[in-house]
N, C-alpha and C. Protein backbone atom coordinates (compact mmCIF):
# COMPACT_ATOMS: atom_id res chain seq x y z
N MET A 1 62.38 118.39 124.48
CA MET A 1 61.78 117.36 123.65
C MET A 1 61.92 117.72 122.18
N LEU A 2 61.71 119.00 121.87
CA LEU A 2 61.80 119.46 120.50
C LEU A 2 63.23 119.27 119.96
N ARG A 3 64.24 119.52 120.82
CA ARG A 3 65.63 119.33 120.41
C ARG A 3 65.91 117.86 120.09
N LEU A 4 65.40 116.96 120.90
CA LEU A 4 65.59 115.53 120.67
C LEU A 4 64.96 115.12 119.34
N LEU A 5 63.77 115.61 119.07
CA LEU A 5 63.09 115.29 117.82
C LEU A 5 63.89 115.83 116.63
N ALA A 6 64.40 117.04 116.74
CA ALA A 6 65.21 117.63 115.65
C ALA A 6 66.49 116.82 115.44
N PHE A 7 67.11 116.38 116.52
CA PHE A 7 68.32 115.58 116.43
C PHE A 7 68.03 114.26 115.70
N LEU A 8 66.93 113.60 116.05
CA LEU A 8 66.57 112.34 115.41
C LEU A 8 66.28 112.53 113.91
N VAL A 9 65.63 113.62 113.55
CA VAL A 9 65.35 113.91 112.14
C VAL A 9 66.66 114.11 111.38
N VAL A 10 67.62 114.84 111.97
CA VAL A 10 68.91 115.05 111.32
C VAL A 10 69.63 113.72 111.13
N LEU A 11 69.60 112.84 112.13
CA LEU A 11 70.24 111.54 112.00
C LEU A 11 69.63 110.72 110.87
N LEU A 12 68.31 110.80 110.72
CA LEU A 12 67.65 110.05 109.65
C LEU A 12 68.02 110.59 108.27
N LEU A 13 68.33 111.85 108.16
CA LEU A 13 68.65 112.45 106.87
C LEU A 13 70.12 112.27 106.47
N LEU A 14 70.97 111.89 107.42
CA LEU A 14 72.37 111.69 107.10
C LEU A 14 72.53 110.45 106.22
N PRO A 15 73.45 110.51 105.25
CA PRO A 15 73.65 109.33 104.41
C PRO A 15 74.27 108.20 105.22
N LEU A 16 73.82 107.00 104.91
CA LEU A 16 74.37 105.82 105.57
C LEU A 16 75.69 105.45 104.91
N PRO A 17 76.65 104.94 105.69
CA PRO A 17 77.90 104.50 105.08
C PRO A 17 77.63 103.36 104.10
N ALA A 18 78.34 103.40 102.99
CA ALA A 18 78.17 102.36 101.97
C ALA A 18 78.65 101.03 102.53
N ALA A 19 77.88 100.00 102.25
CA ALA A 19 78.28 98.66 102.68
C ALA A 19 79.48 98.22 101.85
N ALA A 20 80.36 97.48 102.49
CA ALA A 20 81.52 96.98 101.78
C ALA A 20 81.05 96.04 100.67
N VAL A 21 81.57 96.27 99.48
CA VAL A 21 81.19 95.45 98.35
C VAL A 21 82.13 94.25 98.29
N VAL A 22 81.56 93.07 98.32
CA VAL A 22 82.36 91.85 98.24
C VAL A 22 82.41 91.45 96.77
N PRO A 23 83.62 91.41 96.20
CA PRO A 23 83.71 91.04 94.79
C PRO A 23 83.22 89.63 94.56
N PRO A 24 82.65 89.35 93.38
CA PRO A 24 82.11 88.01 93.12
C PRO A 24 83.18 86.93 93.12
N MET A 25 84.45 87.31 93.00
CA MET A 25 85.51 86.29 93.00
C MET A 25 86.01 85.98 94.41
N ALA A 26 85.42 86.58 95.43
CA ALA A 26 85.82 86.26 96.80
C ALA A 26 85.42 84.83 97.12
N GLY A 27 86.26 84.16 97.88
CA GLY A 27 85.99 82.79 98.29
C GLY A 27 87.19 81.89 98.09
N LEU A 28 86.96 80.59 98.12
CA LEU A 28 88.03 79.62 97.96
C LEU A 28 88.05 79.09 96.54
N TRP A 29 89.28 78.96 95.99
CA TRP A 29 89.46 78.52 94.61
C TRP A 29 90.48 77.39 94.54
N LEU A 30 90.15 76.35 93.80
CA LEU A 30 91.05 75.24 93.54
C LEU A 30 91.93 75.62 92.36
N THR A 31 93.24 75.53 92.53
CA THR A 31 94.16 75.93 91.47
C THR A 31 94.01 75.02 90.25
N GLN A 32 94.50 75.49 89.13
CA GLN A 32 94.39 74.77 87.87
C GLN A 32 94.99 73.37 87.95
N ASP A 33 96.11 73.22 88.63
CA ASP A 33 96.77 71.92 88.77
C ASP A 33 96.16 71.07 89.89
N HIS A 34 95.16 71.60 90.58
CA HIS A 34 94.48 70.90 91.68
C HIS A 34 95.44 70.54 92.81
N ASP A 35 96.46 71.37 93.02
CA ASP A 35 97.41 71.08 94.09
C ASP A 35 97.28 72.03 95.27
N GLY A 36 96.38 73.00 95.17
CA GLY A 36 96.21 73.94 96.26
C GLY A 36 94.88 74.64 96.21
N VAL A 37 94.56 75.29 97.32
CA VAL A 37 93.35 76.09 97.44
C VAL A 37 93.78 77.50 97.82
N ILE A 38 93.28 78.47 97.08
CA ILE A 38 93.63 79.87 97.31
C ILE A 38 92.40 80.60 97.82
N GLY A 39 92.57 81.37 98.88
CA GLY A 39 91.51 82.20 99.41
C GLY A 39 91.61 83.59 98.85
N VAL A 40 90.54 84.06 98.20
CA VAL A 40 90.49 85.41 97.64
C VAL A 40 89.49 86.19 98.47
N GLU A 41 89.88 87.40 98.87
CA GLU A 41 89.02 88.20 99.73
C GLU A 41 89.30 89.68 99.53
N PRO A 42 88.29 90.51 99.84
CA PRO A 42 88.54 91.95 99.77
C PRO A 42 89.46 92.37 100.91
N CYS A 43 90.30 93.35 100.64
CA CYS A 43 91.14 93.96 101.69
C CYS A 43 91.10 95.46 101.43
N GLY A 44 90.21 96.12 102.14
CA GLY A 44 89.95 97.52 101.85
C GLY A 44 89.25 97.60 100.50
N ASP A 45 89.73 98.48 99.64
CA ASP A 45 89.15 98.58 98.30
C ASP A 45 89.92 97.75 97.28
N LYS A 46 90.80 96.89 97.76
CA LYS A 46 91.62 96.02 96.91
C LYS A 46 91.14 94.57 97.04
N LEU A 47 91.77 93.71 96.28
CA LEU A 47 91.51 92.29 96.33
C LEU A 47 92.80 91.61 96.75
N CYS A 48 92.72 90.69 97.68
CA CYS A 48 93.89 89.97 98.18
C CYS A 48 93.68 88.47 97.99
N ALA A 49 94.79 87.75 97.94
CA ALA A 49 94.72 86.29 97.83
C ALA A 49 95.85 85.71 98.67
N ARG A 50 95.57 84.57 99.28
CA ARG A 50 96.55 83.87 100.11
C ARG A 50 96.39 82.38 99.91
N ILE A 51 97.42 81.65 100.21
CA ILE A 51 97.34 80.19 100.15
C ILE A 51 96.51 79.74 101.35
N ALA A 52 95.40 79.08 101.06
CA ALA A 52 94.51 78.62 102.13
C ALA A 52 94.76 77.15 102.46
N GLY A 53 95.20 76.39 101.46
CA GLY A 53 95.43 74.97 101.69
C GLY A 53 96.24 74.36 100.56
N PHE A 54 96.85 73.23 100.87
CA PHE A 54 97.61 72.50 99.87
C PHE A 54 97.36 71.02 100.09
N PHE A 55 97.31 70.29 98.96
CA PHE A 55 97.09 68.86 99.03
C PHE A 55 98.41 68.16 99.23
N LEU A 56 98.47 67.33 100.25
CA LEU A 56 99.67 66.56 100.56
C LEU A 56 99.46 65.12 100.11
N ASP A 57 100.52 64.51 99.64
CA ASP A 57 100.42 63.12 99.20
C ASP A 57 100.12 62.20 100.37
N HIS A 58 100.71 62.50 101.54
CA HIS A 58 100.55 61.69 102.74
C HIS A 58 100.34 62.62 103.93
N PRO A 59 99.54 62.25 104.90
CA PRO A 59 99.28 63.12 106.05
C PRO A 59 100.54 63.55 106.80
N ALA A 60 101.59 62.74 106.78
CA ALA A 60 102.81 63.08 107.52
C ALA A 60 103.80 63.91 106.70
N ASP A 61 103.46 64.23 105.45
CA ASP A 61 104.38 65.03 104.62
C ASP A 61 104.59 66.40 105.26
N PRO A 62 105.79 66.96 105.10
CA PRO A 62 106.05 68.28 105.67
C PRO A 62 105.26 69.37 104.94
N THR A 63 105.01 70.44 105.66
CA THR A 63 104.33 71.59 105.08
C THR A 63 105.24 72.22 104.03
N PRO A 64 104.72 72.54 102.85
CA PRO A 64 105.55 73.19 101.83
C PRO A 64 106.10 74.53 102.34
N LEU A 65 107.31 74.84 101.93
CA LEU A 65 107.98 76.08 102.33
C LEU A 65 108.15 76.97 101.11
N ASP A 66 108.21 78.28 101.35
CA ASP A 66 108.47 79.20 100.25
C ASP A 66 109.98 79.31 100.04
N TYR A 67 110.38 80.21 99.17
CA TYR A 67 111.80 80.36 98.81
C TYR A 67 112.66 80.82 99.99
N ARG A 68 112.03 81.38 101.04
CA ARG A 68 112.78 81.83 102.21
C ARG A 68 112.80 80.78 103.32
N GLY A 69 112.13 79.66 103.07
CA GLY A 69 112.04 78.62 104.09
C GLY A 69 110.88 78.82 105.05
N VAL A 70 109.93 79.71 104.71
CA VAL A 70 108.77 80.00 105.55
C VAL A 70 107.60 79.14 105.07
N SER A 71 106.79 78.67 105.99
CA SER A 71 105.62 77.86 105.64
C SER A 71 104.74 78.61 104.64
N GLN A 72 104.23 77.88 103.66
CA GLN A 72 103.33 78.48 102.69
C GLN A 72 101.90 78.60 103.21
N CYS A 73 101.62 78.04 104.38
CA CYS A 73 100.28 78.12 104.95
C CYS A 73 99.92 79.59 105.22
N HIS A 74 98.87 80.06 104.62
CA HIS A 74 98.35 81.43 104.72
C HIS A 74 99.28 82.47 104.10
N LEU A 75 100.21 82.05 103.28
CA LEU A 75 101.16 82.96 102.64
C LEU A 75 100.43 83.90 101.68
N PRO A 76 100.61 85.21 101.81
CA PRO A 76 99.98 86.13 100.86
C PRO A 76 100.57 85.97 99.46
N LEU A 77 99.69 85.96 98.47
CA LEU A 77 100.11 85.91 97.07
C LEU A 77 99.81 87.23 96.37
N ILE A 78 98.63 87.79 96.65
CA ILE A 78 98.20 89.06 96.04
C ILE A 78 97.73 89.96 97.17
N SER A 79 98.16 91.23 97.16
CA SER A 79 97.72 92.14 98.21
C SER A 79 97.29 93.51 97.69
N ASP A 80 97.33 93.68 96.37
CA ASP A 80 97.09 95.03 95.86
C ASP A 80 96.29 95.08 94.56
N ALA A 81 95.45 94.09 94.29
CA ALA A 81 94.70 94.09 93.03
C ALA A 81 93.52 95.05 93.14
N GLY A 82 93.54 96.06 92.29
CA GLY A 82 92.47 97.05 92.27
C GLY A 82 91.56 96.82 91.07
N GLN A 83 90.29 97.15 91.26
CA GLN A 83 89.34 96.98 90.17
C GLN A 83 89.53 98.09 89.14
N VAL A 84 89.71 97.70 87.88
CA VAL A 84 89.92 98.67 86.79
C VAL A 84 88.77 98.67 85.79
N ALA A 85 87.90 97.68 85.88
CA ALA A 85 86.71 97.56 85.03
C ALA A 85 85.72 96.68 85.78
N PRO A 86 84.46 96.60 85.32
CA PRO A 86 83.47 95.82 86.06
C PRO A 86 83.88 94.38 86.37
N ASN A 87 84.62 93.69 85.53
CA ASN A 87 85.01 92.31 85.79
C ASN A 87 86.51 92.14 85.60
N LEU A 88 87.27 93.14 86.02
CA LEU A 88 88.71 93.05 85.84
C LEU A 88 89.43 93.73 87.00
N TRP A 89 90.33 92.97 87.62
CA TRP A 89 91.16 93.46 88.71
C TRP A 89 92.61 93.31 88.30
N LYS A 90 93.44 94.31 88.62
CA LYS A 90 94.87 94.26 88.28
C LYS A 90 95.70 94.58 89.50
N GLY A 91 96.82 93.86 89.63
CA GLY A 91 97.73 94.09 90.74
C GLY A 91 99.02 93.32 90.52
N HIS A 92 99.54 92.74 91.58
CA HIS A 92 100.79 91.98 91.52
C HIS A 92 100.62 90.67 92.28
N ILE A 93 101.34 89.64 91.82
CA ILE A 93 101.31 88.34 92.46
C ILE A 93 102.74 87.87 92.68
N THR A 94 102.97 87.25 93.83
CA THR A 94 104.30 86.75 94.18
C THR A 94 104.33 85.25 94.01
N ASP A 95 105.36 84.75 93.34
CA ASP A 95 105.57 83.31 93.19
C ASP A 95 106.27 82.82 94.46
N PRO A 96 105.60 81.97 95.26
CA PRO A 96 106.19 81.54 96.54
C PRO A 96 107.42 80.65 96.35
N ARG A 97 107.59 80.10 95.15
CA ARG A 97 108.73 79.21 94.92
C ARG A 97 110.05 79.97 94.80
N ASN A 98 109.98 81.23 94.30
CA ASN A 98 111.24 81.95 94.09
C ASN A 98 111.17 83.43 94.47
N GLY A 99 110.03 83.93 94.89
CA GLY A 99 109.90 85.32 95.29
C GLY A 99 109.70 86.29 94.15
N SER A 100 109.64 85.81 92.91
CA SER A 100 109.43 86.70 91.77
C SER A 100 108.05 87.34 91.85
N VAL A 101 107.99 88.61 91.48
CA VAL A 101 106.72 89.33 91.50
C VAL A 101 106.33 89.64 90.06
N TYR A 102 105.08 89.34 89.73
CA TYR A 102 104.56 89.54 88.39
C TYR A 102 103.33 90.44 88.45
N HIS A 103 102.99 91.07 87.33
CA HIS A 103 101.70 91.73 87.21
C HIS A 103 100.65 90.63 87.14
N VAL A 104 99.44 90.94 87.56
CA VAL A 104 98.37 89.95 87.51
C VAL A 104 97.06 90.62 87.14
N GLU A 105 96.28 89.93 86.35
CA GLU A 105 94.90 90.32 86.05
C GLU A 105 94.00 89.18 86.49
N LEU A 106 92.85 89.52 87.06
CA LEU A 106 91.88 88.52 87.50
C LEU A 106 90.51 88.89 86.96
N TRP A 107 89.76 87.88 86.49
CA TRP A 107 88.40 88.10 86.04
C TRP A 107 87.64 86.78 86.12
N LEU A 108 86.31 86.90 86.19
CA LEU A 108 85.48 85.71 86.19
C LEU A 108 85.11 85.36 84.75
N THR A 109 85.22 84.08 84.41
CA THR A 109 84.83 83.63 83.08
C THR A 109 83.31 83.50 83.03
N PRO A 110 82.72 83.42 81.85
CA PRO A 110 81.27 83.22 81.76
C PRO A 110 80.80 81.94 82.46
N GLU A 111 81.69 80.95 82.58
CA GLU A 111 81.34 79.70 83.25
C GLU A 111 81.44 79.80 84.78
N GLY A 112 81.92 80.92 85.29
CA GLY A 112 82.03 81.10 86.73
C GLY A 112 83.38 80.72 87.31
N ALA A 113 84.35 80.42 86.47
CA ALA A 113 85.71 80.12 86.93
C ALA A 113 86.46 81.45 87.11
N LEU A 114 87.55 81.39 87.86
CA LEU A 114 88.39 82.57 88.05
C LEU A 114 89.60 82.44 87.13
N ALA A 115 89.74 83.38 86.23
CA ALA A 115 90.91 83.41 85.34
C ALA A 115 91.93 84.35 85.97
N LEU A 116 93.17 83.91 85.98
CA LEU A 116 94.26 84.68 86.57
C LEU A 116 95.39 84.68 85.55
N ARG A 117 95.78 85.87 85.10
CA ARG A 117 96.86 85.98 84.11
C ARG A 117 98.03 86.71 84.73
N GLY A 118 99.15 86.00 84.88
CA GLY A 118 100.38 86.60 85.37
C GLY A 118 101.26 86.95 84.20
N TYR A 119 101.94 88.09 84.29
CA TYR A 119 102.77 88.52 83.16
C TYR A 119 103.84 89.50 83.60
N LEU A 120 104.85 89.62 82.75
CA LEU A 120 105.90 90.64 82.88
C LEU A 120 105.67 91.66 81.78
N GLY A 121 105.66 92.92 82.12
CA GLY A 121 105.52 93.96 81.10
C GLY A 121 104.10 94.14 80.63
N ILE A 122 103.69 93.36 79.63
CA ILE A 122 102.34 93.48 79.09
C ILE A 122 101.65 92.12 79.11
N PRO A 123 100.31 92.11 79.21
CA PRO A 123 99.58 90.85 79.32
C PRO A 123 99.83 89.88 78.16
N LEU A 124 100.17 90.40 77.00
CA LEU A 124 100.45 89.54 75.85
C LEU A 124 101.53 88.51 76.17
N PHE A 125 102.48 88.90 77.00
CA PHE A 125 103.59 88.01 77.36
C PHE A 125 103.35 87.32 78.69
N GLY A 126 102.15 86.80 78.85
CA GLY A 126 101.81 86.16 80.12
C GLY A 126 101.23 84.79 79.94
N GLN A 127 100.76 84.25 81.05
CA GLN A 127 100.14 82.92 81.06
C GLN A 127 98.90 83.00 81.93
N THR A 128 97.82 82.41 81.43
CA THR A 128 96.55 82.42 82.16
C THR A 128 96.29 81.05 82.76
N GLN A 129 95.88 81.06 84.03
CA GLN A 129 95.41 79.84 84.70
C GLN A 129 93.93 80.02 84.99
N THR A 130 93.21 78.92 85.02
CA THR A 130 91.79 78.94 85.35
C THR A 130 91.58 78.15 86.63
N TRP A 131 91.03 78.82 87.63
CA TRP A 131 90.75 78.20 88.92
C TRP A 131 89.25 77.97 89.04
N THR A 132 88.87 76.90 89.74
CA THR A 132 87.46 76.59 89.94
C THR A 132 87.11 76.74 91.42
N ARG A 133 85.84 77.03 91.67
CA ARG A 133 85.40 77.20 93.06
C ARG A 133 85.69 75.93 93.86
N TYR A 134 86.11 76.13 95.08
CA TYR A 134 86.36 75.02 96.00
C TYR A 134 85.25 75.03 97.04
N ALA A 135 84.48 73.95 97.08
CA ALA A 135 83.31 73.89 97.96
C ALA A 135 83.64 73.32 99.34
N GLY A 136 84.84 72.75 99.50
CA GLY A 136 85.20 72.13 100.77
C GLY A 136 85.63 73.15 101.80
N THR A 137 86.07 72.65 102.91
CA THR A 137 86.62 73.49 103.97
C THR A 137 88.12 73.22 104.06
N VAL A 138 88.81 74.17 104.62
CA VAL A 138 90.26 74.06 104.76
C VAL A 138 90.61 74.20 106.23
N PRO A 139 91.37 73.25 106.79
CA PRO A 139 91.75 73.37 108.20
C PRO A 139 92.74 74.52 108.42
N ALA A 140 92.84 74.97 109.64
CA ALA A 140 93.72 76.10 109.98
C ALA A 140 95.18 75.83 109.62
N ASP A 141 95.60 74.56 109.61
CA ASP A 141 96.99 74.25 109.29
C ASP A 141 97.23 74.07 107.79
N CYS A 142 96.19 74.31 106.97
CA CYS A 142 96.26 74.30 105.50
C CYS A 142 96.47 72.92 104.90
N ARG A 143 96.60 71.90 105.69
CA ARG A 143 96.96 70.57 105.19
C ARG A 143 95.71 69.82 104.71
N LEU A 144 95.70 69.50 103.42
CA LEU A 144 94.60 68.76 102.82
C LEU A 144 95.14 67.45 102.26
N THR A 145 94.37 66.39 102.43
CA THR A 145 94.72 65.11 101.84
C THR A 145 93.81 64.91 100.64
N PRO A 146 94.38 64.56 99.48
CA PRO A 146 93.53 64.40 98.30
C PRO A 146 92.44 63.36 98.55
N PRO A 147 91.20 63.69 98.21
CA PRO A 147 90.12 62.72 98.36
C PRO A 147 90.24 61.63 97.30
N ALA A 148 89.54 60.53 97.51
CA ALA A 148 89.52 59.47 96.51
C ALA A 148 89.00 60.05 95.20
N GLY A 149 89.63 59.71 94.11
CA GLY A 149 89.23 60.23 92.81
C GLY A 149 89.84 61.57 92.48
N HIS A 150 90.65 62.11 93.39
CA HIS A 150 91.32 63.39 93.13
C HIS A 150 92.27 63.21 91.96
N PRO A 151 92.24 64.13 90.97
CA PRO A 151 93.11 63.96 89.81
C PRO A 151 94.58 63.97 90.20
N GLU A 152 95.39 63.26 89.43
CA GLU A 152 96.82 63.24 89.69
C GLU A 152 97.38 64.64 89.53
N VAL A 153 98.24 65.03 90.42
CA VAL A 153 98.82 66.36 90.44
C VAL A 153 100.31 66.25 90.19
N VAL A 154 100.81 67.06 89.29
CA VAL A 154 102.26 67.10 89.08
C VAL A 154 102.81 68.19 89.98
N ARG A 155 103.67 67.81 90.90
CA ARG A 155 104.25 68.74 91.86
C ARG A 155 105.43 69.48 91.24
N PRO A 156 105.66 70.73 91.67
CA PRO A 156 106.89 71.42 91.24
C PRO A 156 108.09 70.56 91.61
N GLY A 157 109.03 70.42 90.72
CA GLY A 157 110.18 69.59 90.97
C GLY A 157 110.02 68.20 90.37
N GLY A 158 108.86 67.95 89.73
CA GLY A 158 108.71 66.72 88.97
C GLY A 158 107.96 65.59 89.63
N GLY A 159 107.70 65.62 90.94
CA GLY A 159 107.01 64.52 91.59
C GLY A 159 105.54 64.55 91.28
N ALA A 160 104.93 63.41 91.21
CA ALA A 160 103.49 63.34 90.96
C ALA A 160 102.78 62.82 92.20
N ALA A 161 101.65 63.40 92.49
CA ALA A 161 100.86 62.94 93.63
C ALA A 161 100.05 61.74 93.21
N ALA A 162 99.92 60.81 94.09
CA ALA A 162 99.05 59.67 93.80
C ALA A 162 97.62 60.15 93.84
N GLY A 163 96.82 59.74 92.93
CA GLY A 163 95.46 60.26 92.93
C GLY A 163 94.52 59.23 92.77
């Protein structure tokens, strides 16, 4: 009995494993052009992002493909963003249209939006997009139809979505 009690005391004194910290930018984000939804989530001690959904002009439209001809549904965009400061993550992002890989910085703005800056070399030579939280749900097939009142979206290649 004494051994059991000693064992239980030792277990109580052992440090508990740290709970996984979920970054505040985890969740679903509507892209700046309102043409897609990106899922941001922790992956180990890094931050990852994938295409969670895309708005289609018509329900029968084909699923967008990446530069290799692979469906963009659930396509990874970021897989290695590490936290370098309290509100700053840095890694790499892949452009699904052509496979180009860029450096990326991510941070939350004071308004609660997600700022994402892609660049080559140094951040000065980059471009920042601002994404807003997406409160909706995304189906497993990633296909979203723009709701009534959805802003007009300019598609890559020049086409505009009816909105």
